[in-house]
Protein backbone atom coordinates (compact mmCIF):
# COMPACT_ATOMS: atom_id res chain seq x y z
CA MET A 1 -198.23 139.48 134.87
CA LYS A 2 -201.33 137.66 135.95
CA SER A 3 -201.49 137.05 139.68
CA VAL A 4 -203.53 136.92 143.15
CA SER A 5 -203.42 136.00 146.78
CA PHE A 6 -205.45 134.43 149.62
CA ALA A 7 -205.16 136.54 152.86
CA VAL A 8 -206.16 135.52 156.25
CA PRO A 9 -208.04 138.58 157.88
CA ILE A 10 -206.58 137.93 161.34
CA LEU A 11 -203.07 138.43 160.14
CA VAL A 12 -203.94 142.06 159.68
CA LEU A 13 -203.99 142.48 163.44
CA VAL A 14 -200.22 141.96 163.78
CA GLY A 15 -199.07 144.47 161.23
CA GLY A 16 -198.90 147.62 163.35
CA THR A 17 -200.40 151.12 162.71
CA ALA A 18 -201.60 151.86 159.29
CA HIS A 19 -200.74 155.23 157.57
CA PRO A 20 -203.22 156.79 155.22
CA HIS A 21 -202.24 156.43 151.47
CA GLY A 22 -199.30 154.12 151.95
CA ASP A 23 -195.91 154.57 153.62
CA HIS A 24 -193.48 154.10 150.93
CA ALA A 25 -191.59 157.31 151.89
CA SER A 26 -190.55 155.88 155.24
CA GLN A 27 -189.46 152.45 153.82
CA SER A 28 -185.90 151.56 153.17
CA PRO A 29 -184.52 152.98 149.61
CA SER A 30 -183.28 149.51 148.97
CA ILE A 31 -186.95 148.45 148.38
CA ILE A 32 -187.84 149.65 144.88
CA ASP A 33 -190.52 148.91 142.36
CA PRO A 34 -188.93 146.43 139.91
CA LEU A 35 -190.03 145.90 136.27
CA ILE A 36 -191.95 142.72 136.35
CA THR A 37 -191.94 141.54 140.11
CA HIS A 38 -194.80 143.12 141.91
CA HIS A 39 -194.04 145.60 144.81
CA ALA A 40 -195.23 144.57 148.22
CA VAL A 41 -195.38 148.19 149.46
CA LEU A 42 -198.74 149.69 149.00
CA GLU A 43 -198.80 153.24 147.53
CA ASP A 44 -200.53 155.73 145.33
CA GLU A 45 -199.14 155.61 141.81
CA LEU A 46 -199.73 156.16 138.08
CA LYS A 47 -197.49 154.03 135.74
CA LEU A 48 -197.03 153.45 131.98
CA ASN A 49 -195.48 150.11 130.88
CA LEU A 50 -194.40 149.97 127.43
CA PHE A 51 -193.41 146.63 125.70
CA ALA A 52 -192.00 145.53 122.36
CA SER A 53 -191.82 141.81 121.44
CA ARG A 54 -190.73 139.72 118.49
CA TYR A 55 -192.29 136.23 118.40
CA ALA A 56 -190.59 133.33 116.54
CA ALA A 57 -193.87 131.46 116.00
CA GLY A 58 -196.14 133.06 113.48
CA SER A 59 -193.90 135.68 112.33
CA LEU A 60 -195.54 138.01 114.78
CA THR A 61 -194.09 141.38 116.14
CA ALA A 62 -196.02 143.17 118.84
CA GLY A 63 -195.98 146.40 120.76
CA ALA A 64 -198.11 146.98 123.93
CA ALA A 65 -198.76 149.65 126.48
CA SER A 66 -200.34 149.09 130.07
CA LEU A 67 -201.68 151.83 132.14
CA GLU A 68 -201.26 150.88 135.83
CA LEU A 69 -203.25 152.67 138.61
CA ALA A 70 -202.63 152.13 142.22
CA TYR A 71 -204.51 153.53 145.20
CA ALA A 72 -203.63 152.93 148.75
CA PHE A 73 -206.33 153.64 151.32
CA SER A 74 -203.50 153.11 153.84
CA ASP A 75 -200.25 151.00 154.01
CA LEU A 76 -202.61 148.32 155.11
CA PHE A 77 -205.23 148.19 152.31
CA GLY A 78 -204.96 149.06 148.52
CA ILE A 79 -206.32 148.26 144.92
CA GLU A 80 -204.64 148.31 141.71
CA ALA A 81 -205.70 147.99 137.92
CA PHE A 82 -203.81 147.24 134.71
CA VAL A 83 -205.55 148.47 131.46
CA PRO A 84 -203.35 147.21 128.58
CA PHE A 85 -203.52 148.25 124.84
CA GLY A 86 -201.53 146.61 122.02
CA ILE A 87 -200.59 146.64 118.21
CA THR A 88 -199.71 143.30 116.48
CA ASP A 89 -198.34 142.61 113.04
CA THR A 90 -198.77 139.12 111.63
CA PHE A 91 -197.64 138.56 108.07
CA GLY A 92 -198.39 142.25 107.26
CA THR A 93 -201.93 142.27 108.97
CA VAL A 94 -201.93 145.13 111.63
CA ARG A 95 -204.30 144.96 114.45
CA GLY A 96 -204.69 147.07 117.61
CA GLY A 97 -207.10 147.43 120.53
CA LEU A 98 -207.62 146.80 124.20
CA GLY A 99 -205.90 143.85 125.99
CA ASP A 100 -206.95 141.65 129.00
CA ILE A 101 -207.89 144.17 131.98
CA GLU A 102 -206.51 143.01 135.38
CA VAL A 103 -207.86 144.13 138.74
CA GLN A 104 -205.81 143.39 142.12
CA VAL A 105 -208.37 143.68 144.94
CA PRO A 106 -208.04 143.72 147.76
CA LYS A 107 -204.36 144.14 148.47
CA ILE A 108 -203.68 143.29 152.28
CA SER A 109 -200.37 144.18 153.61
CA PHE A 110 -200.08 141.99 156.71
CA VAL A 111 -196.43 142.56 157.63
CA ARG A 112 -195.24 146.29 157.51
CA GLU A 113 -191.79 146.61 159.11
CA TYR A 114 -188.74 148.65 158.06
CA GLY A 115 -187.17 146.93 155.28
CA PHE A 116 -189.54 143.98 155.44
CA VAL A 117 -193.03 143.93 153.82
CA MET A 118 -195.33 141.13 152.93
CA THR A 119 -198.64 141.63 151.08
CA ALA A 120 -201.40 139.39 149.69
CA TYR A 121 -203.96 140.09 147.10
CA ALA A 122 -206.59 138.70 144.63
CA ALA A 123 -206.19 139.49 140.97
CA LEU A 124 -208.98 139.05 138.43
CA VAL A 125 -208.20 139.11 134.70
CA PHE A 126 -211.15 139.71 132.25
CA PRO A 127 -210.94 138.50 128.60
CA THR A 128 -211.38 141.90 127.15
CA GLY A 129 -208.75 141.57 124.59
CA SER A 130 -209.04 139.61 121.30
CA ALA A 131 -207.16 136.38 121.42
CA GLY A 132 -207.36 135.80 117.68
CA SER A 133 -205.55 139.21 117.11
CA GLY A 134 -202.85 138.40 119.66
CA LEU A 135 -204.19 141.19 122.07
CA GLY A 136 -205.51 138.74 124.87
CA GLU A 137 -205.62 135.16 125.98
CA GLY A 138 -209.30 134.68 125.83
CA GLU A 139 -209.49 133.42 129.29
CA TRP A 140 -210.92 134.30 132.73
CA VAL A 141 -208.22 134.21 135.33
CA VAL A 142 -208.05 134.31 139.06
CA ALA A 143 -204.83 133.67 141.10
CA PRO A 144 -203.84 133.64 144.69
CA HIS A 145 -200.56 135.81 145.18
CA LEU A 146 -198.09 136.58 147.90
CA LEU A 147 -195.54 139.40 147.71
CA THR A 148 -192.31 139.86 149.85
CA ASP A 149 -190.00 142.84 149.91
CA LEU A 150 -186.78 142.65 151.88
CA ALA A 151 -183.98 145.09 152.27
CA LEU A 152 -180.50 144.11 153.27
CA GLY A 153 -178.46 147.32 153.49
CA PRO A 154 -178.15 148.61 149.98
CA ILE A 155 -179.46 145.35 148.42
CA GLY A 156 -183.10 144.74 147.81
CA LEU A 157 -184.70 141.24 147.42
CA GLN A 158 -188.23 140.81 146.25
CA LEU A 159 -190.15 137.66 145.70
CA ASN A 160 -193.58 136.86 144.28
CA GLY A 161 -195.46 133.61 144.26
CA ALA A 162 -198.90 132.88 142.58
CA VAL A 163 -201.04 130.02 141.54
CA GLU A 164 -203.00 131.16 138.39
CA LEU A 165 -206.26 129.51 137.48
CA ALA A 166 -207.49 130.21 133.89
CA THR A 167 -210.51 128.98 132.07
CA ASP A 168 -211.95 129.25 128.76
CA GLY A 169 -214.20 126.32 129.49
CA GLU A 170 -211.54 124.16 130.91
CA VAL A 171 -209.70 125.16 134.16
CA VAL A 172 -205.82 125.20 133.79
CA ALA A 173 -203.52 125.85 136.79
CA GLU A 174 -200.13 127.35 136.51
CA LEU A 175 -197.51 128.17 139.29
CA ARG A 176 -195.85 131.60 138.72
CA VAL A 177 -192.86 132.77 140.60
CA SER A 178 -190.71 135.86 140.21
CA THR A 179 -187.72 137.45 142.14
CA ALA A 180 -185.82 140.58 141.76
CA TYR A 181 -182.48 141.46 143.00
CA THR A 182 -181.46 145.18 143.20
CA VAL A 183 -178.61 147.31 144.42
CA VAL A 184 -179.33 150.86 145.17
CA LEU A 185 -176.77 153.52 144.33
CA ASP A 186 -177.13 157.19 145.46
CA ALA A 187 -176.30 159.15 142.26
CA ALA A 188 -177.15 162.43 143.83
CA ASN A 189 -179.50 163.98 146.38
CA ASP A 190 -183.04 162.60 145.84
CA VAL A 191 -181.64 160.53 142.87
CA LEU A 192 -181.34 156.59 143.11
CA LEU A 193 -179.92 154.40 140.50
CA SER A 194 -180.79 150.72 140.67
CA PRO A 195 -179.18 148.03 138.61
CA LEU A 196 -181.42 145.03 138.82
CA VAL A 197 -181.91 141.46 137.66
CA GLU A 198 -185.25 139.60 137.80
CA LEU A 199 -186.11 135.93 137.11
CA GLU A 200 -189.45 134.75 136.30
CA ALA A 201 -190.69 131.19 136.17
CA GLU A 202 -194.08 129.55 134.82
CA ILE A 203 -194.63 125.93 135.74
CA ALA A 204 -197.80 124.16 134.63
CA LEU A 205 -199.72 122.46 137.47
CA SER A 206 -202.18 120.95 135.01
CA GLY A 207 -202.25 120.63 131.29
CA ARG A 208 -199.23 119.87 129.10
CA GLU A 209 -197.54 123.28 128.82
CA PRO A 210 -193.82 122.98 129.73
CA ALA A 211 -192.12 125.19 132.11
CA GLY A 212 -190.82 128.62 130.96
CA ILE A 213 -188.10 130.82 132.53
CA ALA A 214 -187.15 134.35 131.68
CA LEU A 215 -184.19 136.38 132.80
CA VAL A 216 -184.58 140.14 132.93
CA PRO A 217 -181.58 142.39 133.42
CA GLY A 218 -182.35 146.06 133.64
CA VAL A 219 -181.97 149.30 135.55
CA LYS A 220 -184.22 151.86 137.35
CA LEU A 221 -183.70 155.46 138.11
CA GLY A 222 -185.63 157.16 140.81
CA ILE A 223 -185.85 161.02 140.82
CA GLY A 224 -188.15 162.47 143.55
CA GLY A 225 -191.47 161.08 143.01
CA TRP A 226 -190.71 159.94 139.41
CA HIS A 227 -189.13 156.47 138.51
CA VAL A 228 -187.93 155.26 135.01
CA GLY A 229 -186.94 151.66 134.21
CA LEU A 230 -185.51 149.87 131.26
CA GLY A 231 -185.10 146.07 130.85
CA ILE A 232 -185.04 143.14 128.37
CA ALA A 233 -186.59 139.84 128.95
CA VAL A 234 -184.57 136.94 127.66
CA PRO A 235 -186.43 133.56 127.50
CA LEU A 236 -184.57 130.42 128.84
CA GLY A 237 -185.36 126.80 128.90
CA ARG A 238 -188.29 125.67 126.63
CA GLU A 239 -188.79 126.68 123.11
CA PRO A 240 -189.59 130.24 123.71
CA GLU A 241 -192.75 131.94 122.33
CA ALA A 242 -190.87 135.18 122.15
CA ASP A 243 -187.31 135.89 120.95
CA PHE A 244 -187.09 138.84 123.26
CA GLU A 245 -189.13 141.56 124.96
CA VAL A 246 -187.92 145.20 125.76
CA MET A 247 -189.65 147.00 128.54
CA LEU A 248 -189.81 150.65 129.26
CA GLN A 249 -191.59 151.79 132.53
CA VAL A 250 -192.30 155.40 133.60
CA GLY A 251 -194.11 155.93 136.94
CA TYR A 252 -195.10 158.75 139.33
CA HIS A 253 -196.09 158.59 142.97
CA VAL A 254 -199.32 160.34 142.98
CA ILE A 255 -201.39 161.30 146.00
CA TRP A 256 -204.89 160.93 144.49
CA ASN A 257 -206.84 162.68 147.28
CA ARG A 258 -204.69 165.79 147.12
CA LEU A 259 -204.90 165.65 143.25
CA PHE A 260 -208.70 165.70 143.45
CA ALA A 261 -208.88 168.11 146.40
CA ASP A 262 -206.67 170.87 145.06
CA GLY A 263 -205.08 169.80 141.84
CA SER A 264 -201.63 169.08 143.36
CA ALA A 265 -200.23 165.55 142.88
CA ASP A 266 -196.80 165.98 144.52
CA ARG A 267 -195.61 163.26 146.84
């Protein structure tokens, strides 16, 4: 997902005490990391996202992987990067390579209460992937983005809003909104099962691209510092580019400074 955010520095002063390397462990277990909706809690993390898609237009099938690296200087400031790779098959022609790299910097969490977190960041997307091979968009992208996480007992509500500005010579603006609803179930000690449903909408603010909506039912399983998620994106509304997209996500909460200091990454 391409996104970004404007943050007013003075808001940082009302956020309370910052903790080194994030503070996810002291947050409500109802606030999880969904499949497509960005998490407002800053944390140290290494994640692998796997996607498989079939596109109606052009008889294109595609598989992709995105390596996601997140580093929290504290629960106040963080950075994140996505490095995607993909394979496409169009009429028997197979291509593979690097996709469009995304960097989210800086991530500023200006509300940090138990069960309520708000974060803003600026995402930059670089056209490192081949648009002709279906591995990239061929555009430079910047977008203001605001993230909200809210816990209501065992129920989690997460909401993202972004205005995406893309250009390959002509600037095009798009509003992106996604929301996730989750219910956290205690499966066992240190094991959490979270059925979820997410909704993502893309609305053109300039240009003639029609609005698009995708419904994403799925589930996430948390075991200690690990979390595994599975979901399927079903397009709604406009004539869809993809028939469907299946997502598999595997992540681990790594404490990077401990990893580099003594080789231990346990969180």
